[in-house]
Amino acid sequence: MNGDSSVADRLARIFPDALHMEAPAIDTDLFDTGMLDSLGFVELLLRLEQDFGVPVSVDDLELDHFRTLGRIAQFVEARQTVLPPLRLVHGASGR
């Protein structure tokens, strides 16, 4: 199963939906081209948490992780492998 294309496709939809810009090519440098500014970067980080369940800590804020759509997909895939999505567990009622 190749999850990279699925993650990359989902990431590409974040750009028009949340950042209101055309989705970049998978290898476009988002910072050098000016497509992603500081506000857009914060919005992207928020969407990674919301859409993929991938929290981004201060230690993860290496710009190279977020430079291209391909690198973001790799970052998300690695974090999803390490930290599986949380599932709600309902306990017995009345306790």
N, C-alpha and C. Protein backbone atom coordinates (compact mmCIF):
# COMPACT_ATOMS: atom_id res chain seq x y z
N MET A 1 0.85 -1.19 0.00
CA MET A 1 0.00 0.00 0.00
C MET A 1 0.88 1.23 0.00
N ASN A 2 0.65 2.13 -0.90
CA ASN A 2 1.46 3.34 -0.99
C ASN A 2 0.68 4.50 -0.41
N GLY A 3 0.98 4.85 0.84
CA GLY A 3 0.26 5.92 1.52
C GLY A 3 0.73 7.29 1.11
N ASP A 4 1.94 7.39 0.51
CA ASP A 4 2.49 8.69 0.17
C ASP A 4 1.57 9.47 -0.76
N SER A 5 1.06 8.82 -1.82
CA SER A 5 0.22 9.57 -2.76
C SER A 5 -1.08 9.99 -2.09
N SER A 6 -1.62 9.15 -1.23
CA SER A 6 -2.85 9.50 -0.53
C SER A 6 -2.63 10.71 0.38
N VAL A 7 -1.53 10.69 1.13
CA VAL A 7 -1.22 11.82 2.01
C VAL A 7 -0.94 13.07 1.18
N ALA A 8 -0.17 12.93 0.12
CA ALA A 8 0.14 14.08 -0.74
C ALA A 8 -1.12 14.65 -1.37
N ASP A 9 -2.03 13.77 -1.79
CA ASP A 9 -3.30 14.24 -2.38
C ASP A 9 -4.12 15.00 -1.34
N ARG A 10 -4.19 14.46 -0.13
CA ARG A 10 -4.94 15.14 0.93
C ARG A 10 -4.28 16.47 1.29
N LEU A 11 -2.94 16.49 1.32
CA LEU A 11 -2.23 17.74 1.60
C LEU A 11 -2.51 18.78 0.52
N ALA A 12 -2.52 18.33 -0.72
CA ALA A 12 -2.75 19.26 -1.84
C ALA A 12 -4.11 19.93 -1.72
N ARG A 13 -5.09 19.24 -1.15
CA ARG A 13 -6.43 19.84 -0.99
C ARG A 13 -6.46 20.91 0.11
N ILE A 14 -5.50 20.87 1.02
CA ILE A 14 -5.44 21.88 2.08
C ILE A 14 -5.17 23.26 1.49
N PHE A 15 -4.36 23.31 0.45
CA PHE A 15 -3.97 24.61 -0.10
C PHE A 15 -5.16 25.39 -0.65
N PRO A 16 -6.00 24.83 -1.51
CA PRO A 16 -7.17 25.62 -1.94
C PRO A 16 -8.23 25.78 -0.85
N ASP A 17 -8.41 24.75 -0.03
CA ASP A 17 -9.46 24.78 0.99
C ASP A 17 -9.14 25.73 2.14
N ALA A 18 -7.94 25.66 2.69
CA ALA A 18 -7.61 26.43 3.89
C ALA A 18 -6.71 27.63 3.62
N LEU A 19 -5.83 27.49 2.63
CA LEU A 19 -4.87 28.57 2.37
C LEU A 19 -5.27 29.44 1.18
N HIS A 20 -6.34 29.03 0.49
CA HIS A 20 -6.92 29.80 -0.61
C HIS A 20 -5.90 30.09 -1.71
N MET A 21 -5.17 29.04 -2.09
CA MET A 21 -4.23 29.15 -3.19
C MET A 21 -4.19 27.83 -3.93
N GLU A 22 -3.73 27.90 -5.15
CA GLU A 22 -3.61 26.69 -5.96
C GLU A 22 -2.60 25.74 -5.33
N ALA A 23 -2.90 24.46 -5.38
CA ALA A 23 -1.99 23.46 -4.82
C ALA A 23 -0.69 23.46 -5.63
N PRO A 24 0.44 23.47 -4.95
CA PRO A 24 1.73 23.48 -5.65
C PRO A 24 2.09 22.10 -6.18
N ALA A 25 3.07 22.07 -7.09
CA ALA A 25 3.63 20.78 -7.52
C ALA A 25 4.32 20.16 -6.31
N ILE A 26 4.48 18.87 -6.33
CA ILE A 26 4.99 18.14 -5.16
C ILE A 26 6.40 18.58 -4.77
N ASP A 27 7.18 19.12 -5.71
CA ASP A 27 8.56 19.50 -5.41
C ASP A 27 8.79 21.02 -5.42
N THR A 28 7.74 21.81 -5.45
CA THR A 28 7.86 23.27 -5.40
C THR A 28 8.28 23.71 -4.01
N ASP A 29 9.30 24.55 -3.94
CA ASP A 29 9.75 25.07 -2.64
C ASP A 29 8.76 26.15 -2.20
N LEU A 30 8.01 25.85 -1.16
CA LEU A 30 6.92 26.72 -0.72
C LEU A 30 7.41 28.03 -0.12
N PHE A 31 8.61 28.01 0.46
CA PHE A 31 9.14 29.21 1.09
C PHE A 31 9.87 30.09 0.08
N ASP A 32 10.73 29.47 -0.75
CA ASP A 32 11.48 30.25 -1.74
C ASP A 32 10.57 30.92 -2.76
N THR A 33 9.45 30.28 -3.10
CA THR A 33 8.51 30.86 -4.07
C THR A 33 7.59 31.89 -3.43
N GLY A 34 7.58 31.95 -2.10
CA GLY A 34 6.69 32.88 -1.40
C GLY A 34 5.26 32.38 -1.28
N MET A 35 5.02 31.14 -1.66
CA MET A 35 3.66 30.59 -1.55
C MET A 35 3.23 30.46 -0.10
N LEU A 36 4.18 30.20 0.78
CA LEU A 36 3.87 29.99 2.18
C LEU A 36 4.58 31.04 3.02
N ASP A 37 3.79 31.93 3.63
CA ASP A 37 4.35 32.93 4.54
C ASP A 37 4.12 32.45 5.97
N SER A 38 4.46 33.26 6.95
CA SER A 38 4.38 32.82 8.34
C SER A 38 2.94 32.49 8.75
N LEU A 39 1.98 33.29 8.32
CA LEU A 39 0.58 33.02 8.65
C LEU A 39 0.10 31.74 7.98
N GLY A 40 0.45 31.57 6.72
CA GLY A 40 0.09 30.35 6.00
C GLY A 40 0.73 29.12 6.62
N PHE A 41 1.96 29.28 7.10
CA PHE A 41 2.66 28.17 7.74
C PHE A 41 1.94 27.73 9.02
N VAL A 42 1.51 28.69 9.81
CA VAL A 42 0.78 28.38 11.04
C VAL A 42 -0.54 27.68 10.69
N GLU A 43 -1.23 28.15 9.68
CA GLU A 43 -2.48 27.52 9.24
C GLU A 43 -2.21 26.09 8.77
N LEU A 44 -1.13 25.90 8.04
CA LEU A 44 -0.77 24.56 7.58
C LEU A 44 -0.52 23.63 8.76
N LEU A 45 0.22 24.10 9.76
CA LEU A 45 0.49 23.28 10.94
C LEU A 45 -0.80 22.90 11.66
N LEU A 46 -1.72 23.85 11.77
CA LEU A 46 -3.01 23.58 12.39
C LEU A 46 -3.77 22.51 11.61
N ARG A 47 -3.75 22.61 10.30
CA ARG A 47 -4.46 21.63 9.47
C ARG A 47 -3.82 20.25 9.53
N LEU A 48 -2.49 20.19 9.70
CA LEU A 48 -1.83 18.89 9.86
C LEU A 48 -2.35 18.19 11.11
N GLU A 49 -2.54 18.98 12.16
CA GLU A 49 -3.08 18.41 13.40
C GLU A 49 -4.53 17.99 13.23
N GLN A 50 -5.33 18.86 12.63
CA GLN A 50 -6.76 18.59 12.48
C GLN A 50 -7.04 17.45 11.50
N ASP A 51 -6.42 17.50 10.34
CA ASP A 51 -6.75 16.57 9.27
C ASP A 51 -6.03 15.23 9.36
N PHE A 52 -4.84 15.22 9.95
CA PHE A 52 -4.05 14.01 9.98
C PHE A 52 -3.78 13.50 11.39
N GLY A 53 -4.16 14.28 12.41
CA GLY A 53 -3.89 13.87 13.78
C GLY A 53 -2.41 13.90 14.11
N VAL A 54 -1.68 14.78 13.43
CA VAL A 54 -0.23 14.87 13.60
C VAL A 54 0.11 16.15 14.35
N PRO A 55 0.40 16.04 15.64
CA PRO A 55 0.82 17.23 16.37
C PRO A 55 2.24 17.62 15.97
N VAL A 56 2.48 18.91 15.88
CA VAL A 56 3.80 19.41 15.51
C VAL A 56 4.35 20.16 16.72
N SER A 57 5.42 19.62 17.28
CA SER A 57 6.03 20.25 18.45
C SER A 57 7.07 21.27 18.01
N VAL A 58 7.54 22.07 18.94
CA VAL A 58 8.57 23.05 18.66
C VAL A 58 9.82 22.36 18.10
N ASP A 59 10.11 21.18 18.61
CA ASP A 59 11.27 20.42 18.14
C ASP A 59 11.13 19.99 16.68
N ASP A 60 9.89 19.89 16.17
CA ASP A 60 9.64 19.49 14.79
C ASP A 60 9.72 20.65 13.80
N LEU A 61 9.87 21.86 14.29
CA LEU A 61 9.78 23.04 13.42
C LEU A 61 11.06 23.28 12.61
N GLU A 62 11.54 22.24 12.00
CA GLU A 62 12.65 22.31 11.06
C GLU A 62 12.04 22.65 9.70
N LEU A 63 12.37 23.79 9.13
CA LEU A 63 11.73 24.23 7.89
C LEU A 63 11.89 23.24 6.76
N ASP A 64 12.97 22.48 6.76
CA ASP A 64 13.15 21.50 5.70
C ASP A 64 12.05 20.44 5.69
N HIS A 65 11.41 20.18 6.83
CA HIS A 65 10.29 19.24 6.88
C HIS A 65 9.08 19.77 6.09
N PHE A 66 9.02 21.07 5.91
CA PHE A 66 7.82 21.70 5.35
C PHE A 66 8.09 22.46 4.06
N ARG A 67 9.26 22.28 3.48
CA ARG A 67 9.67 23.06 2.31
C ARG A 67 8.87 22.72 1.05
N THR A 68 8.52 21.45 0.87
CA THR A 68 7.76 21.03 -0.31
C THR A 68 6.60 20.13 0.12
N LEU A 69 5.67 19.95 -0.77
CA LEU A 69 4.55 19.06 -0.50
C LEU A 69 5.04 17.63 -0.27
N GLY A 70 6.05 17.22 -1.01
CA GLY A 70 6.62 15.89 -0.83
C GLY A 70 7.24 15.70 0.54
N ARG A 71 7.96 16.71 1.01
CA ARG A 71 8.58 16.62 2.34
C ARG A 71 7.54 16.66 3.45
N ILE A 72 6.49 17.44 3.25
CA ILE A 72 5.41 17.48 4.25
C ILE A 72 4.74 16.11 4.32
N ALA A 73 4.52 15.49 3.16
CA ALA A 73 3.91 14.15 3.13
C ALA A 73 4.79 13.15 3.88
N GLN A 74 6.11 13.23 3.69
CA GLN A 74 7.03 12.34 4.40
C GLN A 74 6.96 12.58 5.90
N PHE A 75 6.91 13.84 6.30
CA PHE A 75 6.81 14.21 7.72
C PHE A 75 5.54 13.61 8.32
N VAL A 76 4.41 13.79 7.63
CA VAL A 76 3.13 13.29 8.13
C VAL A 76 3.15 11.77 8.22
N GLU A 77 3.65 11.12 7.17
CA GLU A 77 3.73 9.65 7.18
C GLU A 77 4.56 9.15 8.35
N ALA A 78 5.70 9.78 8.60
CA ALA A 78 6.58 9.36 9.70
C ALA A 78 5.89 9.55 11.04
N ARG A 79 5.17 10.65 11.22
CA ARG A 79 4.50 10.91 12.49
C ARG A 79 3.30 9.99 12.68
N GLN A 80 2.62 9.65 11.61
CA GLN A 80 1.49 8.75 11.73
C GLN A 80 1.94 7.34 12.08
N THR A 81 3.13 6.96 11.64
CA THR A 81 3.68 5.65 11.97
C THR A 81 4.06 5.60 13.43
N VAL A 82 4.66 6.69 13.92
CA VAL A 82 5.11 6.76 15.31
C VAL A 82 3.94 6.95 16.25
N LEU A 83 3.04 7.84 15.90
CA LEU A 83 1.91 8.18 16.76
C LEU A 83 0.61 7.85 16.02
N PRO A 84 0.03 6.67 16.23
CA PRO A 84 -1.22 6.36 15.56
C PRO A 84 -2.32 7.31 16.01
N PRO A 85 -3.31 7.53 15.15
CA PRO A 85 -4.41 8.43 15.52
C PRO A 85 -5.10 7.96 16.79
N LEU A 86 -5.53 8.91 17.60
CA LEU A 86 -6.23 8.60 18.83
C LEU A 86 -7.64 8.14 18.51
N ARG A 87 -8.13 7.17 19.28
CA ARG A 87 -9.50 6.72 19.13
C ARG A 87 -10.22 6.94 20.44
N LEU A 88 -11.46 7.36 20.35
CA LEU A 88 -12.26 7.54 21.55
C LEU A 88 -12.70 6.18 22.05
N VAL A 89 -12.57 5.98 23.34
CA VAL A 89 -13.00 4.73 23.95
C VAL A 89 -14.08 5.09 24.97
N HIS A 90 -15.21 4.47 24.81
CA HIS A 90 -16.32 4.71 25.73
C HIS A 90 -16.28 3.68 26.84
N GLY A 91 -16.22 4.17 28.06
CA GLY A 91 -16.23 3.26 29.22
C GLY A 91 -17.64 2.85 29.55
N ALA A 92 -17.76 1.96 30.50
CA ALA A 92 -19.08 1.52 30.95
C ALA A 92 -19.83 2.69 31.56
N SER A 93 -21.09 2.82 31.26
CA SER A 93 -21.85 3.95 31.80
C SER A 93 -22.14 3.73 33.27
N GLY A 94 -22.21 4.81 33.99
CA GLY A 94 -22.55 4.75 35.40
C GLY A 94 -21.34 4.63 36.31
N ARG A 95 -20.14 4.67 35.72
CA ARG A 95 -18.94 4.59 36.59
C ARG A 95 -18.25 5.89 36.67
